[in-house]
Amino acid sequence: MKILIAAQIDLEPEQRDQALQSARPWIEGALSQRGCLHYEFSPDPFNPSRINVFEEWTDAQALAAHFAGPHYAGMRDHLGKSGLIGAASRKYSVDREGPVYGADGLATPGFD
């Protein structure tokens, strides 16, 4: 069962872009970890304070190893020193997945 994480991190607007640039070692480190399928931190184009986060992990064991490791701690500490205003995050367990578009090329909400 995959795990997804979606988060919004708000920093002082004048620090956001530099914080993203200098976070590269922790992002690359997380991407190199076993079980990390996706790990993205990107600026919100409509909110000058916000960083949107999307993570995808193969399983709970991989995510637990990430939380216990240096890349998570490094990113947490880095953001804490980068004008952190607030943050909200949620994790989701995924028991089904499928394509958005069917064979007919139309978007579908189903998982057929």
C-alpha atoms as a PDB file:
ATOM      1  CA  MET A   1       0.000   0.000   0.000  1.00  0.00           C
ATOM      2  CA  LYS A   2       1.518   3.316  -1.088  1.00  0.00           C
ATOM      3  CA  ILE A   3       1.580   6.401   1.127  1.00  0.00           C
ATOM      4  CA  LEU A   4       1.118   9.934  -0.169  1.00  0.00           C
ATOM      5  CA  ILE A   5       1.959  13.099   1.736  1.00  0.00           C
ATOM      6  CA  ALA A   6       0.557  16.504   0.797  1.00  0.00           C
ATOM      7  CA  ALA A   7       1.716  19.573   2.688  1.00  0.00           C
ATOM      8  CA  GLN A   8       1.756  23.337   2.540  1.00  0.00           C
ATOM      9  CA  ILE A   9       4.647  25.159   4.185  1.00  0.00           C
ATOM     10  CA  ASP A  10       4.534  28.915   4.586  1.00  0.00           C
ATOM     11  CA  LEU A  11       7.746  30.930   4.897  1.00  0.00           C
ATOM     12  CA  GLU A  12       8.440  34.631   4.966  1.00  0.00           C
ATOM     13  CA  PRO A  13       7.933  35.568   1.275  1.00  0.00           C
ATOM     14  CA  GLU A  14      11.396  37.086   0.894  1.00  0.00           C
ATOM     15  CA  GLN A  15      12.990  33.817   2.085  1.00  0.00           C
ATOM     16  CA  ARG A  16      10.913  31.240   0.192  1.00  0.00           C
ATOM     17  CA  ASP A  17      12.844  31.026  -3.089  1.00  0.00           C
ATOM     18  CA  GLN A  18      16.254  30.906  -1.419  1.00  0.00           C
ATOM     19  CA  ALA A  19      14.995  28.273   1.021  1.00  0.00           C
ATOM     20  CA  LEU A  20      13.873  26.096  -1.889  1.00  0.00           C
ATOM     21  CA  GLN A  21      17.181  26.502  -3.723  1.00  0.00           C
ATOM     22  CA  SER A  22      19.275  25.659  -0.683  1.00  0.00           C
ATOM     23  CA  ALA A  23      17.061  22.660   0.210  1.00  0.00           C
ATOM     24  CA  ARG A  24      18.334  20.706  -2.792  1.00  0.00           C
ATOM     25  CA  PRO A  25      20.676  18.386  -0.803  1.00  0.00           C
ATOM     26  CA  TRP A  26      17.815  17.171   1.385  1.00  0.00           C
ATOM     27  CA  ILE A  27      15.461  16.748  -1.554  1.00  0.00           C
ATOM     28  CA  GLU A  28      18.057  14.782  -3.519  1.00  0.00           C
ATOM     29  CA  GLY A  29      18.852  12.752  -0.408  1.00  0.00           C
ATOM     30  CA  ALA A  30      15.211  11.816   0.104  1.00  0.00           C
ATOM     31  CA  LEU A  31      14.861  10.879  -3.567  1.00  0.00           C
ATOM     32  CA  SER A  32      17.784   8.487  -3.165  1.00  0.00           C
ATOM     33  CA  GLN A  33      16.144   6.599  -0.292  1.00  0.00           C
ATOM     34  CA  ARG A  34      14.668   3.133  -0.720  1.00  0.00           C
ATOM     35  CA  GLY A  35      10.935   3.406  -1.274  1.00  0.00           C
ATOM     36  CA  CYS A  36      10.824   7.071  -2.275  1.00  0.00           C
ATOM     37  CA  LEU A  37       8.893   7.321  -5.527  1.00  0.00           C
ATOM     38  CA  HIS A  38       8.324  11.083  -5.540  1.00  0.00           C
ATOM     39  CA  TYR A  39       9.525  13.938  -3.342  1.00  0.00           C
ATOM     40  CA  GLU A  40       8.728  17.422  -4.590  1.00  0.00           C
ATOM     41  CA  PHE A  41       8.900  20.841  -2.971  1.00  0.00           C
ATOM     42  CA  SER A  42       7.647  23.602  -5.277  1.00  0.00           C
ATOM     43  CA  PRO A  43       6.694  27.268  -4.959  1.00  0.00           C
ATOM     44  CA  ASP A  44       2.987  28.033  -5.069  1.00  0.00           C
ATOM     45  CA  PRO A  45       2.464  30.385  -8.031  1.00  0.00           C
ATOM     46  CA  PHE A  46      -0.436  32.151  -6.292  1.00  0.00           C
ATOM     47  CA  ASN A  47       0.931  32.528  -2.748  1.00  0.00           C
ATOM     48  CA  PRO A  48       4.407  34.103  -2.358  1.00  0.00           C
ATOM     49  CA  SER A  49       4.842  32.497   1.072  1.00  0.00           C
ATOM     50  CA  ARG A  50       3.844  28.934   0.225  1.00  0.00           C
ATOM     51  CA  ILE A  51       5.759  25.813  -0.707  1.00  0.00           C
ATOM     52  CA  ASN A  52       3.634  22.874  -1.833  1.00  0.00           C
ATOM     53  CA  VAL A  53       4.949  19.427  -0.968  1.00  0.00           C
ATOM     54  CA  PHE A  54       4.051  16.117  -2.587  1.00  0.00           C
ATOM     55  CA  GLU A  55       5.634  12.830  -1.544  1.00  0.00           C
ATOM     56  CA  GLU A  56       4.966   9.242  -2.622  1.00  0.00           C
ATOM     57  CA  TRP A  57       6.379   6.269  -0.708  1.00  0.00           C
ATOM     58  CA  THR A  58       6.137   2.568  -1.462  1.00  0.00           C
ATOM     59  CA  ASP A  59       5.187   1.595   2.105  1.00  0.00           C
ATOM     60  CA  ALA A  60       5.152   2.563   5.784  1.00  0.00           C
ATOM     61  CA  GLN A  61       8.591   1.051   6.415  1.00  0.00           C
ATOM     62  CA  ALA A  62      10.191   3.288   3.796  1.00  0.00           C
ATOM     63  CA  LEU A  63       8.455   6.353   5.223  1.00  0.00           C
ATOM     64  CA  ALA A  64       9.498   5.408   8.770  1.00  0.00           C
ATOM     65  CA  ALA A  65      13.122   5.116   7.644  1.00  0.00           C
ATOM     66  CA  HIS A  66      12.859   8.550   6.030  1.00  0.00           C
ATOM     67  CA  PHE A  67      11.430  10.100   9.206  1.00  0.00           C
ATOM     68  CA  ALA A  68      14.278   8.565  11.237  1.00  0.00           C
ATOM     69  CA  GLY A  69      16.994   9.636   8.828  1.00  0.00           C
ATOM     70  CA  PRO A  70      19.164  12.671   8.143  1.00  0.00           C
ATOM     71  CA  HIS A  71      17.291  13.965   5.082  1.00  0.00           C
ATOM     72  CA  TYR A  72      14.028  14.480   6.960  1.00  0.00           C
ATOM     73  CA  ALA A  73      15.802  16.058   9.944  1.00  0.00           C
ATOM     74  CA  GLY A  74      17.907  18.251   7.679  1.00  0.00           C
ATOM     75  CA  MET A  75      14.889  19.545   5.758  1.00  0.00           C
ATOM     76  CA  ARG A  76      12.911  20.116   8.970  1.00  0.00           C
ATOM     77  CA  ASP A  77      15.756  22.110  10.509  1.00  0.00           C
ATOM     78  CA  HIS A  78      16.445  23.998   7.273  1.00  0.00           C
ATOM     79  CA  LEU A  79      12.836  25.138   6.935  1.00  0.00           C
ATOM     80  CA  GLY A  80      12.725  26.076  10.614  1.00  0.00           C
ATOM     81  CA  LYS A  81      15.615  28.485  10.000  1.00  0.00           C
ATOM     82  CA  SER A  82      14.111  29.895   6.791  1.00  0.00           C
ATOM     83  CA  GLY A  83      11.383  32.151   8.143  1.00  0.00           C
ATOM     84  CA  LEU A  84       8.809  29.472   8.885  1.00  0.00           C
ATOM     85  CA  ILE A  85       5.348  30.977   9.419  1.00  0.00           C
ATOM     86  CA  GLY A  86       3.266  27.803   9.483  1.00  0.00           C
ATOM     87  CA  ALA A  87       2.713  24.381   7.990  1.00  0.00           C
ATOM     88  CA  ALA A  88      -0.043  21.849   7.430  1.00  0.00           C
ATOM     89  CA  SER A  89       0.496  18.293   6.269  1.00  0.00           C
ATOM     90  CA  ARG A  90      -1.544  15.131   5.774  1.00  0.00           C
ATOM     91  CA  LYS A  91      -0.678  11.565   4.814  1.00  0.00           C
ATOM     92  CA  TYR A  92      -2.892   9.215   2.840  1.00  0.00           C
ATOM     93  CA  SER A  93      -2.819   5.456   2.354  1.00  0.00           C
ATOM     94  CA  VAL A  94      -3.538   4.407  -1.203  1.00  0.00           C
ATOM     95  CA  ASP A  95      -5.218   1.072  -1.735  1.00  0.00           C
ATOM     96  CA  ARG A  96      -6.142   1.545  -5.402  1.00  0.00           C
ATOM     97  CA  GLU A  97      -4.760   3.449  -8.337  1.00  0.00           C
ATOM     98  CA  GLY A  98      -5.470   3.714 -11.998  1.00  0.00           C
ATOM     99  CA  PRO A  99      -5.117   5.973 -15.006  1.00  0.00           C
ATOM    100  CA  VAL A 100      -7.032   9.245 -15.136  1.00  0.00           C
ATOM    101  CA  TYR A 101      -7.850   8.738 -18.823  1.00  0.00           C
ATOM    102  CA  GLY A 102      -9.567   5.678 -20.248  1.00  0.00           C
ATOM    103  CA  ALA A 103      -8.843   3.966 -23.548  1.00  0.00           C
ATOM    104  CA  ASP A 104     -11.310   6.407 -25.154  1.00  0.00           C
ATOM    105  CA  GLY A 105      -9.128   9.364 -24.069  1.00  0.00           C
ATOM    106  CA  LEU A 106     -11.725  10.703 -21.622  1.00  0.00           C
ATOM    107  CA  ALA A 107     -11.093  11.455 -17.959  1.00  0.00           C
ATOM    108  CA  THR A 108     -12.893   9.066 -15.643  1.00  0.00           C
ATOM    109  CA  PRO A 109     -13.365   8.982 -11.855  1.00  0.00           C
ATOM    110  CA  GLY A 110     -13.567   5.160 -11.849  1.00  0.00           C
ATOM    111  CA  PHE A 111     -10.868   2.591 -11.169  1.00  0.00           C
ATOM    112  CA  ASP A 112     -11.917   0.035 -13.775  1.00  0.00           C
END
